[in-house]
């Protein structure tokens, strides 16, 4: 069984990078030939920072997020997250890195409809063999304001409440990097604002790193750094301001 190997290479940022990409490209086969989704991406994400990825539809934003998560393989280049170099890692090893280091918040909440809010959060911990999974799940649900909804099923929760369950699930895993793909896309404006307030509050409280894909300029400006993609390339790398 392959095991993740910590990466100890240099970083160009003062704050140690939790994610580093160098020369990363993603090319997919299509009916009309090869399609370049990402082209030569060089990027370092500082630990504890807040970052937005913006750009027109089809520019490669979600693919970039999935490459960092280890859910999409780079065709070439190097990807390292939380000290682990993805090169040569099999799916089992990548899954272990995700469970320990990376949490993903999707636009769709991806909750198990037959499980309560508490069970949806606890199950990920149980898969990791964590002790007191239900107690830890309860704590995180209380942190996101759902202590009174522990025994409710997804169908009994509002969209904002379901997204809070998804966030609690990520927090319970104790990850250091949170990837969010249009996390407010299925929510009304006010609920979306509340969800983003929560994510930024957690960033400040826990020191987690936030990297989100968004098409909302107002939301992107709340981040310390805005990274602009176009045609699979970074055209504005942004600068960390906080």
Foldseek 3Di string as FASTA:
>chain_A
DDAFAFADDDDPDPAAFQKWWFQFWAWDADPVGIATQAGGDTDTHGFLFEEEEEEDPSLNQVVVLCCQLVNDPTPDTWMHGRRTTPPPDDPVNSVVCCLQAEAEQELDLPFDQVAFLLCRQLVSVVVVVHPPSSVLLLVLCVLLPNNVRRRPGPVVDDPLSSSSSSVSSRVSSVHQEYEYEQNCVPDDPVSSVSVLVSVVVCSVVVRHYYYYYDHDPVSRVVGQFYFYGGNNYTPDHGDGRD
